[in-house]
């Protein structure tokens, strides 16, 4: 690894993680202090800043220092490496796409279903969706704390990766297909929303 690549990589991660953390904290405060009753989409946007902040903080406080110091992998406390990897790489990583799916579902439902006429406008669906997303995140995070089943950072190669065991490989496969499934449904809902908007505009 060249010195130039090392410097560029560290500076890039430091800059992006710092700006990302500052921006998401600002948005969290902005959304939290908005007067009046929050809409479902507003709540989802507010909560979405939490996994974003976790990922940015993980890079800023863990990845960047390790990348600068370049310790031998065996000298990095495994429990800390797994903890950060599971929180950011599994928990927050799956929470973000889930919340984006719910945002797409919110837009889809607003266009295709007149929920205000169905008597469920005041039912806390958004709250249940948020709790469900974080529940799945906690489950995925906890599964990685089994022996030799974690997701860790390797400073020598600047990469997050699974531990090289059968259990960790299975977890990596699970998170991959979970995110692919979520992304597929999110994009299908977005396409359906775009089609509805185009049809509505053309019919005016």
C-alpha atoms as a PDB file:
ATOM      1  CA  UNK A   1       0.000   0.000   0.000  1.00  0.00           C
ATOM      2  CA  UNK A   2       1.475   3.344  -1.033  1.00  0.00           C
ATOM      3  CA  UNK A   3       1.792   6.243   1.396  1.00  0.00           C
ATOM      4  CA  UNK A   4      -0.275   8.448  -0.916  1.00  0.00           C
ATOM      5  CA  UNK A   5      -3.163   5.956  -0.946  1.00  0.00           C
ATOM      6  CA  UNK A   6      -2.991   5.688   2.845  1.00  0.00           C
ATOM      7  CA  UNK A   7      -3.149   9.472   3.296  1.00  0.00           C
ATOM      8  CA  UNK A   8      -5.944   9.945   0.757  1.00  0.00           C
ATOM      9  CA  UNK A   9      -7.989   7.122   2.298  1.00  0.00           C
ATOM     10  CA  UNK A  10      -7.648   8.427   5.849  1.00  0.00           C
ATOM     11  CA  UNK A  11      -8.344  12.039   4.918  1.00  0.00           C
ATOM     12  CA  UNK A  12     -11.374  10.996   2.848  1.00  0.00           C
ATOM     13  CA  UNK A  13     -12.847   8.895   5.655  1.00  0.00           C
ATOM     14  CA  UNK A  14     -12.161  11.598   8.223  1.00  0.00           C
ATOM     15  CA  UNK A  15     -13.761  14.316   6.093  1.00  0.00           C
ATOM     16  CA  UNK A  16     -16.823  12.339   5.024  1.00  0.00           C
ATOM     17  CA  UNK A  17     -17.536  10.858   8.472  1.00  0.00           C
ATOM     18  CA  UNK A  18     -17.142  14.231  10.211  1.00  0.00           C
ATOM     19  CA  UNK A  19     -19.373  16.092   7.755  1.00  0.00           C
ATOM     20  CA  UNK A  20     -21.895  13.246   7.759  1.00  0.00           C
ATOM     21  CA  UNK A  21     -22.089  13.158  11.550  1.00  0.00           C
ATOM     22  CA  UNK A  22     -22.468  16.937  11.828  1.00  0.00           C
ATOM     23  CA  UNK A  23     -25.151  17.022   9.135  1.00  0.00           C
ATOM     24  CA  UNK A  24     -27.179  14.177  10.647  1.00  0.00           C
ATOM     25  CA  UNK A  25     -27.019  15.656  14.153  1.00  0.00           C
ATOM     26  CA  UNK A  26     -28.177  18.982  12.697  1.00  0.00           C
ATOM     27  CA  UNK A  27     -31.057  17.271  10.864  1.00  0.00           C
ATOM     28  CA  UNK A  28     -32.039  15.338  13.973  1.00  0.00           C
ATOM     29  CA  UNK A  29     -32.261  18.560  15.975  1.00  0.00           C
ATOM     30  CA  UNK A  30     -34.089  20.300  13.124  1.00  0.00           C
ATOM     31  CA  UNK A  31     -36.680  17.543  12.772  1.00  0.00           C
ATOM     32  CA  UNK A  32     -37.066  17.217  16.552  1.00  0.00           C
ATOM     33  CA  UNK A  33     -37.756  20.924  17.066  1.00  0.00           C
ATOM     34  CA  UNK A  34     -40.285  21.307  14.267  1.00  0.00           C
ATOM     35  CA  UNK A  35     -43.512  22.732  15.746  1.00  0.00           C
ATOM     36  CA  UNK A  36     -46.841  21.004  15.310  1.00  0.00           C
ATOM     37  CA  UNK A  37     -47.797  17.370  14.911  1.00  0.00           C
ATOM     38  CA  UNK A  38     -45.241  15.365  12.965  1.00  0.00           C
ATOM     39  CA  UNK A  39     -46.391  13.453   9.905  1.00  0.00           C
ATOM     40  CA  UNK A  40     -45.456   9.813   9.348  1.00  0.00           C
ATOM     41  CA  UNK A  41     -42.866  10.796   6.733  1.00  0.00           C
ATOM     42  CA  UNK A  42     -41.436  13.410   9.110  1.00  0.00           C
ATOM     43  CA  UNK A  43     -41.008  10.781  11.846  1.00  0.00           C
ATOM     44  CA  UNK A  44     -39.263   8.410   9.447  1.00  0.00           C
ATOM     45  CA  UNK A  45     -36.885  11.160   8.310  1.00  0.00           C
ATOM     46  CA  UNK A  46     -36.115  11.978  11.951  1.00  0.00           C
ATOM     47  CA  UNK A  47     -35.382   8.374  12.872  1.00  0.00           C
ATOM     48  CA  UNK A  48     -33.336   7.813   9.691  1.00  0.00           C
ATOM     49  CA  UNK A  49     -30.699  10.226  11.026  1.00  0.00           C
ATOM     50  CA  UNK A  50     -29.945   7.800  13.889  1.00  0.00           C
ATOM     51  CA  UNK A  51     -28.459   4.886  11.880  1.00  0.00           C
ATOM     52  CA  UNK A  52     -26.772   7.448   9.612  1.00  0.00           C
ATOM     53  CA  UNK A  53     -25.098   9.021  12.659  1.00  0.00           C
ATOM     54  CA  UNK A  54     -24.067   5.618  14.021  1.00  0.00           C
ATOM     55  CA  UNK A  55     -22.293   4.704  10.782  1.00  0.00           C
ATOM     56  CA  UNK A  56     -20.540   8.084  10.562  1.00  0.00           C
ATOM     57  CA  UNK A  57     -19.497   7.964  14.237  1.00  0.00           C
ATOM     58  CA  UNK A  58     -18.146   4.429  13.784  1.00  0.00           C
ATOM     59  CA  UNK A  59     -15.881   5.587  11.000  1.00  0.00           C
ATOM     60  CA  UNK A  60     -14.808   8.732  12.826  1.00  0.00           C
ATOM     61  CA  UNK A  61     -14.114   7.141  16.220  1.00  0.00           C
ATOM     62  CA  UNK A  62     -12.990   3.637  15.218  1.00  0.00           C
ATOM     63  CA  UNK A  63     -12.067   3.222  11.565  1.00  0.00           C
ATOM     64  CA  UNK A  64     -10.065   6.430  11.166  1.00  0.00           C
ATOM     65  CA  UNK A  65      -7.894   5.910  14.294  1.00  0.00           C
ATOM     66  CA  UNK A  66      -7.193   2.287  13.354  1.00  0.00           C
ATOM     67  CA  UNK A  67      -6.369   3.321   9.804  1.00  0.00           C
ATOM     68  CA  UNK A  68      -3.900   5.913  11.073  1.00  0.00           C
ATOM     69  CA  UNK A  69      -2.221   3.691  13.660  1.00  0.00           C
ATOM     70  CA  UNK A  70      -2.283   0.513  11.532  1.00  0.00           C
ATOM     71  CA  UNK A  71      -2.009  -1.963  14.439  1.00  0.00           C
ATOM     72  CA  UNK A  72      -1.660  -5.667  13.816  1.00  0.00           C
ATOM     73  CA  UNK A  73      -5.114  -7.228  13.583  1.00  0.00           C
ATOM     74  CA  UNK A  74      -4.340  -9.635  16.443  1.00  0.00           C
ATOM     75  CA  UNK A  75      -3.640  -6.691  18.748  1.00  0.00           C
ATOM     76  CA  UNK A  76      -7.047  -5.072  18.194  1.00  0.00           C
ATOM     77  CA  UNK A  77      -9.491  -6.008  21.001  1.00  0.00           C
ATOM     78  CA  UNK A  78     -11.837  -8.403  19.235  1.00  0.00           C
ATOM     79  CA  UNK A  79     -14.854  -7.567  21.367  1.00  0.00           C
ATOM     80  CA  UNK A  80     -14.565  -3.860  20.491  1.00  0.00           C
ATOM     81  CA  UNK A  81     -14.009  -4.591  16.817  1.00  0.00           C
ATOM     82  CA  UNK A  82     -17.010  -6.920  16.715  1.00  0.00           C
ATOM     83  CA  UNK A  83     -19.138  -4.485  18.723  1.00  0.00           C
ATOM     84  CA  UNK A  84     -18.507  -1.587  16.323  1.00  0.00           C
ATOM     85  CA  UNK A  85     -18.797  -3.860  13.296  1.00  0.00           C
ATOM     86  CA  UNK A  86     -22.108  -5.323  14.430  1.00  0.00           C
ATOM     87  CA  UNK A  87     -23.630  -1.976  15.436  1.00  0.00           C
ATOM     88  CA  UNK A  88     -22.578  -0.136  12.281  1.00  0.00           C
ATOM     89  CA  UNK A  89     -22.152  -2.914   9.756  1.00  0.00           C
ATOM     90  CA  UNK A  90     -25.218  -4.990  10.586  1.00  0.00           C
ATOM     91  CA  UNK A  91     -27.582  -3.049  12.862  1.00  0.00           C
ATOM     92  CA  UNK A  92     -27.405   0.425  11.342  1.00  0.00           C
ATOM     93  CA  UNK A  93     -26.746  -1.028   7.897  1.00  0.00           C
ATOM     94  CA  UNK A  94     -30.065  -2.881   7.824  1.00  0.00           C
ATOM     95  CA  UNK A  95     -32.027  -0.159   9.669  1.00  0.00           C
ATOM     96  CA  UNK A  96     -31.300   2.462   7.000  1.00  0.00           C
ATOM     97  CA  UNK A  97     -32.763   0.466   4.075  1.00  0.00           C
ATOM     98  CA  UNK A  98     -35.744  -0.619   6.211  1.00  0.00           C
ATOM     99  CA  UNK A  99     -36.611   2.996   7.013  1.00  0.00           C
ATOM    100  CA  UNK A 100     -36.211   3.933   3.340  1.00  0.00           C
ATOM    101  CA  UNK A 101     -38.624   1.101   2.502  1.00  0.00           C
ATOM    102  CA  UNK A 102     -41.151   2.530   4.951  1.00  0.00           C
ATOM    103  CA  UNK A 103     -40.697   6.000   3.429  1.00  0.00           C
ATOM    104  CA  UNK A 104     -41.445   4.579  -0.011  1.00  0.00           C
ATOM    105  CA  UNK A 105     -44.421   2.685   1.405  1.00  0.00           C
ATOM    106  CA  UNK A 106     -45.674   5.900   2.994  1.00  0.00           C
ATOM    107  CA  UNK A 107     -45.572   7.741  -0.332  1.00  0.00           C
ATOM    108  CA  UNK A 108     -47.153   4.771  -2.126  1.00  0.00           C
ATOM    109  CA  UNK A 109     -50.006   4.520   0.382  1.00  0.00           C
ATOM    110  CA  UNK A 110     -50.656   8.268   0.278  1.00  0.00           C
ATOM    111  CA  UNK A 111     -51.144   8.107  -3.497  1.00  0.00           C
ATOM    112  CA  UNK A 112     -52.940   4.797  -3.921  1.00  0.00           C
ATOM    113  CA  UNK A 113     -55.022   4.590  -0.745  1.00  0.00           C
ATOM    114  CA  UNK A 114     -57.107   7.269   0.888  1.00  0.00           C
ATOM    115  CA  UNK A 115     -56.080   6.247   4.413  1.00  0.00           C
ATOM    116  CA  UNK A 116     -57.904   9.200   5.912  1.00  0.00           C
ATOM    117  CA  UNK A 117     -61.161   7.552   4.817  1.00  0.00           C
ATOM    118  CA  UNK A 118     -60.264   4.139   6.200  1.00  0.00           C
ATOM    119  CA  UNK A 119     -60.346   5.173   9.851  1.00  0.00           C
ATOM    120  CA  UNK A 120     -56.652   4.373  10.455  1.00  0.00           C
ATOM    121  CA  UNK A 121     -55.174   7.845  10.204  1.00  0.00           C
ATOM    122  CA  UNK A 122     -54.612   7.992  13.966  1.00  0.00           C
ATOM    123  CA  UNK A 123     -53.418   4.386  14.291  1.00  0.00           C
ATOM    124  CA  UNK A 124     -49.693   4.387  15.182  1.00  0.00           C
ATOM    125  CA  UNK A 125     -48.539   2.438  12.134  1.00  0.00           C
ATOM    126  CA  UNK A 126     -45.407   4.554  11.788  1.00  0.00           C
ATOM    127  CA  UNK A 127     -44.479   3.907  15.402  1.00  0.00           C
ATOM    128  CA  UNK A 128     -44.874   0.159  14.950  1.00  0.00           C
ATOM    129  CA  UNK A 129     -42.822   0.309  11.743  1.00  0.00           C
ATOM    130  CA  UNK A 130     -40.002   2.176  13.495  1.00  0.00           C
ATOM    131  CA  UNK A 131     -40.037  -0.231  16.440  1.00  0.00           C
ATOM    132  CA  UNK A 132     -40.019  -3.147  14.020  1.00  0.00           C
ATOM    133  CA  UNK A 133     -37.033  -1.740  12.108  1.00  0.00           C
ATOM    134  CA  UNK A 134     -35.005  -1.280  15.274  1.00  0.00           C
ATOM    135  CA  UNK A 135     -36.117  -4.687  16.535  1.00  0.00           C
ATOM    136  CA  UNK A 136     -34.729  -6.332  13.392  1.00  0.00           C
ATOM    137  CA  UNK A 137     -31.545  -4.266  13.760  1.00  0.00           C
ATOM    138  CA  UNK A 138     -31.068  -5.459  17.346  1.00  0.00           C
ATOM    139  CA  UNK A 139     -31.641  -9.072  16.275  1.00  0.00           C
ATOM    140  CA  UNK A 140     -29.124  -8.869  13.438  1.00  0.00           C
ATOM    141  CA  UNK A 141     -26.624  -7.154  15.733  1.00  0.00           C
ATOM    142  CA  UNK A 142     -27.013  -9.731  18.491  1.00  0.00           C
ATOM    143  CA  UNK A 143     -26.578 -12.670  16.123  1.00  0.00           C
ATOM    144  CA  UNK A 144     -23.057 -11.489  15.325  1.00  0.00           C
ATOM    145  CA  UNK A 145     -21.932 -11.667  18.949  1.00  0.00           C
ATOM    146  CA  UNK A 146     -21.863 -15.439  18.840  1.00  0.00           C
ATOM    147  CA  UNK A 147     -18.308 -16.869  18.997  1.00  0.00           C
ATOM    148  CA  UNK A 148     -16.376 -16.224  15.770  1.00  0.00           C
ATOM    149  CA  UNK A 149     -19.451 -14.871  14.001  1.00  0.00           C
ATOM    150  CA  UNK A 150     -18.703 -11.153  13.844  1.00  0.00           C
ATOM    151  CA  UNK A 151     -18.252  -8.414  11.293  1.00  0.00           C
ATOM    152  CA  UNK A 152     -14.965  -6.568  11.835  1.00  0.00           C
ATOM    153  CA  UNK A 153     -12.663  -3.905  10.423  1.00  0.00           C
ATOM    154  CA  UNK A 154      -9.285  -4.880   8.948  1.00  0.00           C
ATOM    155  CA  UNK A 155      -7.058  -1.760   9.023  1.00  0.00           C
ATOM    156  CA  UNK A 156      -4.370  -3.274   6.805  1.00  0.00           C
ATOM    157  CA  UNK A 157      -6.780  -3.368   3.868  1.00  0.00           C
ATOM    158  CA  UNK A 158      -9.185  -0.552   4.927  1.00  0.00           C
ATOM    159  CA  UNK A 159     -12.101  -2.972   4.713  1.00  0.00           C
ATOM    160  CA  UNK A 160     -15.033  -4.166   6.774  1.00  0.00           C
ATOM    161  CA  UNK A 161     -15.405  -7.907   6.382  1.00  0.00           C
ATOM    162  CA  UNK A 162     -16.677 -10.995   8.107  1.00  0.00           C
ATOM    163  CA  UNK A 163     -14.525 -13.161  10.290  1.00  0.00           C
ATOM    164  CA  UNK A 164     -13.361 -16.138   8.289  1.00  0.00           C
ATOM    165  CA  UNK A 165     -15.659 -18.749   9.799  1.00  0.00           C
ATOM    166  CA  UNK A 166     -18.741 -20.610   8.627  1.00  0.00           C
ATOM    167  CA  UNK A 167     -20.970 -18.730  11.075  1.00  0.00           C
ATOM    168  CA  UNK A 168     -19.743 -15.306   9.952  1.00  0.00           C
ATOM    169  CA  UNK A 169     -20.124 -16.301   6.303  1.00  0.00           C
ATOM    170  CA  UNK A 170     -23.721 -17.275   6.972  1.00  0.00           C
ATOM    171  CA  UNK A 171     -24.416 -13.931   8.659  1.00  0.00           C
ATOM    172  CA  UNK A 172     -22.817 -12.052   5.778  1.00  0.00           C
ATOM    173  CA  UNK A 173     -25.016 -13.946   3.317  1.00  0.00           C
ATOM    174  CA  UNK A 174     -28.103 -13.196   5.415  1.00  0.00           C
ATOM    175  CA  UNK A 175     -27.453  -9.452   5.544  1.00  0.00           C
ATOM    176  CA  UNK A 176     -26.704  -9.367   1.807  1.00  0.00           C
ATOM    177  CA  UNK A 177     -29.966 -11.007   0.772  1.00  0.00           C
ATOM    178  CA  UNK A 178     -31.906  -8.981   3.343  1.00  0.00           C
ATOM    179  CA  UNK A 179     -30.656  -5.703   1.885  1.00  0.00           C
ATOM    180  CA  UNK A 180     -31.244  -6.926  -1.690  1.00  0.00           C
ATOM    181  CA  UNK A 181     -34.837  -7.878  -0.832  1.00  0.00           C
ATOM    182  CA  UNK A 182     -35.473  -4.542   0.882  1.00  0.00           C
ATOM    183  CA  UNK A 183     -33.944  -2.594  -2.014  1.00  0.00           C
ATOM    184  CA  UNK A 184     -36.064  -4.527  -4.525  1.00  0.00           C
ATOM    185  CA  UNK A 185     -39.325  -3.730  -2.712  1.00  0.00           C
ATOM    186  CA  UNK A 186     -38.257  -0.110  -2.200  1.00  0.00           C
ATOM    187  CA  UNK A 187     -37.568   0.383  -5.893  1.00  0.00           C
ATOM    188  CA  UNK A 188     -40.812  -1.335  -6.908  1.00  0.00           C
ATOM    189  CA  UNK A 189     -42.758   1.019  -4.660  1.00  0.00           C
ATOM    190  CA  UNK A 190     -40.843   4.020  -6.019  1.00  0.00           C
ATOM    191  CA  UNK A 191     -41.589   2.994  -9.607  1.00  0.00           C
ATOM    192  CA  UNK A 192     -45.276   2.521  -8.777  1.00  0.00           C
ATOM    193  CA  UNK A 193     -45.319   5.948  -7.120  1.00  0.00           C
ATOM    194  CA  UNK A 194     -43.665   7.571 -10.130  1.00  0.00           C
ATOM    195  CA  UNK A 195     -46.171   5.918 -12.488  1.00  0.00           C
ATOM    196  CA  UNK A 196     -49.085   7.146 -10.374  1.00  0.00           C
ATOM    197  CA  UNK A 197     -47.717  10.693 -10.339  1.00  0.00           C
ATOM    198  CA  UNK A 198     -47.192  10.626 -14.113  1.00  0.00           C
ATOM    199  CA  UNK A 199     -50.726   9.315 -14.721  1.00  0.00           C
ATOM    200  CA  UNK A 200     -52.231  11.936 -12.407  1.00  0.00           C
ATOM    201  CA  UNK A 201     -50.295  14.704 -14.136  1.00  0.00           C
ATOM    202  CA  UNK A 202     -51.305  13.497 -17.609  1.00  0.00           C
ATOM    203  CA  UNK A 203     -54.982  13.304 -16.637  1.00  0.00           C
ATOM    204  CA  UNK A 204     -55.179  16.928 -15.541  1.00  0.00           C
END
